[in-house]
């Protein structure tokens, strides 16, 4: 028995040496380990590809700071505001978040589940299978917890934790914890695909979009303005007068049915600095072609004095924007404002229809 024990011990001790010197065997073991790890990942059947059952919180505003993979092969930092997302709450208080990667615009819905914890937080336990990448090198794409670092690929899969937490703050769902940790899109082996939000906030839109009580009372107007080349041009729009409130429609080409309004006070039409207009669902150009929340943003462009008393040239805020109003001709004009239709609260607008030299609205004959 004593000799058998020694021979067995020698045999066991020889295995590491043999494996270390046998390259084909080492590769087989590595391949087996990789296959085993991938087999333990959630499969295609776990992908949530349509709206789950529960209470729907629709058309939330998605603000994020994160990254996207450009066609030039690099990953860039950027931020987005005004993007549209949905959240569903199930009967157990868990949340399902749609569009967890702000800059990703896919041909399918992408959802991740956040489990309600005892401390009131909502934990996204990762990895989660999120996309059927049919025909791709990676057949399933996953949501992983990544850490933003200085690596060539922007971020690395977190080896210490695979949980990203959110918490409710008033009417907003906010990502909390390590500001370098985020939910990112990746392959089964953790390779980062370049999409994820290091800062992520979902909140309800508090304001209702303005709509006249009787759209049939719309009158045709023509607005003349200076375009991006400082050339005078014109555009047909619709205007509705309801008492002291005036509604305007048609300034945005991609969503011409959304309105903004102003209130007549004497010889001025007072406008809101940021007026909510509704959701552009037909957008194919801006915000990566995703539906987005739209706002009226009146601003000044030209020479102005900043808070330190220095004169500058460029975009400046107008705290109480207004247009001159002529009651006799029912026309509106300004020699200062540019009226922009914005996706989200971007200070530099995606679309604007005037230069500060003029923005008259003239009733057509």
Foldseek 3Di string as FASTA:
>chain_A
DVVVVVVVVVVVVCVVVVCVVDVVNVVVVVVVVLVVLLVPADDPVQADFDDDDADKDFFWKKWFWFWAQDPVGAIDTDIDTFFGWMWGAHPQRKIKTWPQFQQDDDPTIFIFIFCQDPVQKTKGADWGFTDQPPPDPFRTKTWFKWFQDDDRQRTFGDPPGGIWIWHDDPFKIWTDDDLRIWTFIGGSVGRGPRTTGSTIMIGHDPDDADDDPDPVQWAKKKKWAQDPVRDIDIDIWTWDDDPQKIKIFQPDPQCRGWIAIFGDDPQKTWHAQWHWTAWRCRACDPSVRGIGTKTKHKWFFAWDADPVRDIDGGIDGDHTDIWGADPVQRKTKALTIWIAIAGGPDSDGPDTDHHSHMIMMGGDD
